[in-house]
Structure formats: structure tokens, C-alpha cells
Amino acid sequence: MKDWKSQSHVRWDCKYHVVFISKYRQRAIYGGVRKKIGGIVRDLCRQKGVELLEGHAMPDHGWLF
């Protein structure tokens, strides 16, 4: 069963979809940079107590769910 949050008249399960894009959508996310971004994002999620369900890095953007 999901871990729903609730009040007297409402119940919710909040999820965020975050997209980050390089300036002018330049293809700047390759190889080593891509791996560093993944590590940084995982560390930030761990520090904030956030569960990272899915994430992908493309050459010109990345997204997290």
C-alpha cells in the first residue's frame, strides 16, 4: 500500500518531475560530466531524504522523477 499523506478531507502522494536543460540546449552532457552529474544528484537526494525513482541524462538535458 502506498504511503499516502492525509488530512481530514484530502489524501495525497506527492511526486515531482524535474527537468534541467543546458543553456541554448547545447549538447554538453557527455561521458565524465554525465557520470559526475549522476553522483551529485544522488548525493543531494540522499542528503535531503528524497527518494529518486528514475532519472536520465541526455546530451542536451536531464530529468528526474
N, C-alpha and C. Protein backbone atom coordinates (compact mmCIF):
# COMPACT_ATOMS: atom_id res chain seq x y z
N MET A 1 0.83 -1.19 0.00
CA MET A 1 0.00 0.00 0.00
C MET A 1 0.87 1.24 0.00
N LYS A 2 0.43 2.27 -0.67
CA LYS A 2 1.23 3.49 -0.77
C LYS A 2 1.27 4.21 0.57
N ASP A 3 2.31 5.01 0.73
CA ASP A 3 2.45 5.82 1.93
C ASP A 3 1.79 7.18 1.69
N TRP A 4 0.47 7.21 1.73
CA TRP A 4 -0.28 8.43 1.47
C TRP A 4 -0.17 9.38 2.66
N LYS A 5 -0.14 10.66 2.37
CA LYS A 5 -0.24 11.68 3.40
C LYS A 5 -1.68 12.14 3.39
N SER A 6 -2.24 12.51 4.55
CA SER A 6 -3.65 12.86 4.55
C SER A 6 -3.96 13.90 5.62
N GLN A 7 -5.06 14.58 5.40
CA GLN A 7 -5.69 15.46 6.37
C GLN A 7 -7.14 15.02 6.47
N SER A 8 -7.96 15.78 7.13
CA SER A 8 -9.34 15.33 7.37
C SER A 8 -10.16 15.17 6.10
N HIS A 9 -9.85 15.92 5.05
CA HIS A 9 -10.67 15.86 3.84
C HIS A 9 -9.90 15.58 2.55
N VAL A 10 -8.64 15.27 2.65
CA VAL A 10 -7.84 15.06 1.45
C VAL A 10 -6.74 14.04 1.71
N ARG A 11 -6.34 13.34 0.65
CA ARG A 11 -5.25 12.38 0.72
C ARG A 11 -4.37 12.59 -0.50
N TRP A 12 -3.03 12.53 -0.36
CA TRP A 12 -2.16 12.78 -1.50
C TRP A 12 -0.87 11.98 -1.41
N ASP A 13 -0.27 11.80 -2.55
CA ASP A 13 1.05 11.18 -2.70
C ASP A 13 1.80 12.07 -3.68
N CYS A 14 2.65 12.92 -3.18
CA CYS A 14 3.28 13.97 -3.98
C CYS A 14 4.56 13.45 -4.66
N LYS A 15 4.64 13.67 -5.98
CA LYS A 15 5.83 13.32 -6.75
C LYS A 15 6.19 14.51 -7.64
N TYR A 16 7.46 14.69 -7.91
CA TYR A 16 7.93 15.81 -8.72
C TYR A 16 8.66 15.30 -9.95
N HIS A 17 8.47 15.96 -11.05
CA HIS A 17 9.16 15.68 -12.30
C HIS A 17 10.02 16.90 -12.59
N VAL A 18 11.35 16.76 -12.51
CA VAL A 18 12.28 17.88 -12.66
C VAL A 18 13.09 17.68 -13.93
N VAL A 19 13.16 18.72 -14.75
CA VAL A 19 13.94 18.68 -15.99
C VAL A 19 14.95 19.82 -15.94
N PHE A 20 16.21 19.52 -16.20
CA PHE A 20 17.21 20.58 -16.31
C PHE A 20 17.78 20.54 -17.72
N ILE A 21 17.97 21.75 -18.28
CA ILE A 21 18.38 21.90 -19.67
C ILE A 21 19.59 22.82 -19.74
N SER A 22 20.58 22.47 -20.55
CA SER A 22 21.74 23.33 -20.73
C SER A 22 21.35 24.58 -21.52
N LYS A 23 22.09 25.65 -21.32
CA LYS A 23 21.79 26.91 -21.98
C LYS A 23 21.79 26.72 -23.49
N TYR A 24 20.77 27.22 -24.13
CA TYR A 24 20.56 27.11 -25.58
C TYR A 24 20.52 25.65 -26.04
N ARG A 25 20.24 24.75 -25.11
CA ARG A 25 20.18 23.30 -25.37
C ARG A 25 21.43 22.78 -26.08
N GLN A 26 22.58 23.33 -25.69
CA GLN A 26 23.84 22.84 -26.25
C GLN A 26 24.08 21.43 -25.76
N ARG A 27 24.63 20.61 -26.61
CA ARG A 27 24.89 19.22 -26.25
C ARG A 27 26.18 19.16 -25.43
N ALA A 28 26.02 19.36 -24.10
CA ALA A 28 27.17 19.48 -23.22
C ALA A 28 27.28 18.36 -22.19
N ILE A 29 26.31 17.47 -22.12
CA ILE A 29 26.30 16.43 -21.08
C ILE A 29 26.78 15.12 -21.70
N TYR A 30 28.09 14.89 -21.65
CA TYR A 30 28.71 13.69 -22.22
C TYR A 30 29.64 13.03 -21.22
N GLY A 31 29.90 11.77 -21.39
CA GLY A 31 30.92 10.99 -20.67
C GLY A 31 31.09 11.30 -19.20
N GLY A 32 32.24 11.89 -18.86
CA GLY A 32 32.60 12.16 -17.48
C GLY A 32 31.65 13.13 -16.80
N VAL A 33 31.20 14.12 -17.54
CA VAL A 33 30.26 15.11 -16.99
C VAL A 33 28.95 14.41 -16.62
N ARG A 34 28.52 13.52 -17.46
CA ARG A 34 27.28 12.78 -17.22
C ARG A 34 27.37 11.95 -15.93
N LYS A 35 28.49 11.28 -15.72
CA LYS A 35 28.68 10.48 -14.51
C LYS A 35 28.76 11.36 -13.27
N LYS A 36 29.44 12.52 -13.38
CA LYS A 36 29.53 13.44 -12.24
C LYS A 36 28.17 13.98 -11.85
N ILE A 37 27.36 14.33 -12.84
CA ILE A 37 26.02 14.85 -12.55
C ILE A 37 25.20 13.79 -11.82
N GLY A 38 25.28 12.54 -12.26
CA GLY A 38 24.55 11.46 -11.60
C GLY A 38 24.95 11.31 -10.14
N GLY A 39 26.25 11.35 -9.87
CA GLY A 39 26.73 11.25 -8.49
C GLY A 39 26.29 12.41 -7.64
N ILE A 40 26.35 13.61 -8.19
CA ILE A 40 25.93 14.81 -7.45
C ILE A 40 24.45 14.74 -7.10
N VAL A 41 23.63 14.35 -8.08
CA VAL A 41 22.18 14.27 -7.86
C VAL A 41 21.86 13.22 -6.81
N ARG A 42 22.51 12.06 -6.87
CA ARG A 42 22.27 11.01 -5.88
C ARG A 42 22.66 11.48 -4.47
N ASP A 43 23.80 12.17 -4.35
CA ASP A 43 24.23 12.70 -3.05
C ASP A 43 23.24 13.72 -2.51
N LEU A 44 22.77 14.62 -3.36
CA LEU A 44 21.80 15.63 -2.93
C LEU A 44 20.49 14.99 -2.46
N CYS A 45 20.03 13.99 -3.19
CA CYS A 45 18.81 13.30 -2.79
C CYS A 45 18.99 12.60 -1.45
N ARG A 46 20.14 11.98 -1.26
CA ARG A 46 20.42 11.29 0.00
C ARG A 46 20.46 12.28 1.16
N GLN A 47 21.08 13.45 0.95
CA GLN A 47 21.18 14.47 2.00
C GLN A 47 19.81 15.02 2.38
N LYS A 48 18.94 15.20 1.40
CA LYS A 48 17.62 15.77 1.64
C LYS A 48 16.57 14.73 2.03
N GLY A 49 16.92 13.46 1.98
CA GLY A 49 15.98 12.41 2.33
C GLY A 49 14.91 12.20 1.27
N VAL A 50 15.28 12.40 0.02
CA VAL A 50 14.36 12.27 -1.11
C VAL A 50 14.63 10.97 -1.83
N GLU A 51 13.58 10.29 -2.23
CA GLU A 51 13.73 9.05 -2.98
C GLU A 51 13.74 9.38 -4.47
N LEU A 52 14.80 9.03 -5.15
CA LEU A 52 14.92 9.23 -6.59
C LEU A 52 14.41 7.97 -7.27
N LEU A 53 13.26 8.08 -7.92
CA LEU A 53 12.65 6.91 -8.56
C LEU A 53 13.29 6.60 -9.91
N GLU A 54 13.57 7.65 -10.69
CA GLU A 54 14.12 7.44 -12.02
C GLU A 54 14.81 8.71 -12.48
N GLY A 55 15.81 8.59 -13.31
CA GLY A 55 16.49 9.74 -13.88
C GLY A 55 17.26 9.36 -15.13
N HIS A 56 17.32 10.29 -16.06
CA HIS A 56 18.05 10.06 -17.31
C HIS A 56 18.79 11.33 -17.69
N ALA A 57 19.97 11.17 -18.29
CA ALA A 57 20.74 12.30 -18.79
C ALA A 57 20.91 12.13 -20.29
N MET A 58 20.43 13.09 -21.03
CA MET A 58 20.58 13.13 -22.48
C MET A 58 21.68 14.14 -22.80
N PRO A 59 22.17 14.20 -24.03
CA PRO A 59 23.24 15.15 -24.35
C PRO A 59 22.89 16.62 -24.10
N ASP A 60 21.61 16.99 -24.20
CA ASP A 60 21.25 18.40 -24.01
C ASP A 60 20.31 18.65 -22.84
N HIS A 61 19.86 17.63 -22.12
CA HIS A 61 19.00 17.81 -20.96
C HIS A 61 19.03 16.57 -20.08
N GLY A 62 18.48 16.73 -18.90
CA GLY A 62 18.35 15.61 -17.99
C GLY A 62 17.05 15.73 -17.24
N TRP A 63 16.52 14.61 -16.76
CA TRP A 63 15.29 14.68 -15.99
C TRP A 63 15.31 13.70 -14.84
N LEU A 64 14.57 14.04 -13.81
CA LEU A 64 14.48 13.25 -12.58
C LEU A 64 13.03 13.07 -12.20
N PHE A 65 12.72 11.94 -11.62
CA PHE A 65 11.38 11.71 -11.12
C PHE A 65 11.50 11.14 -9.73
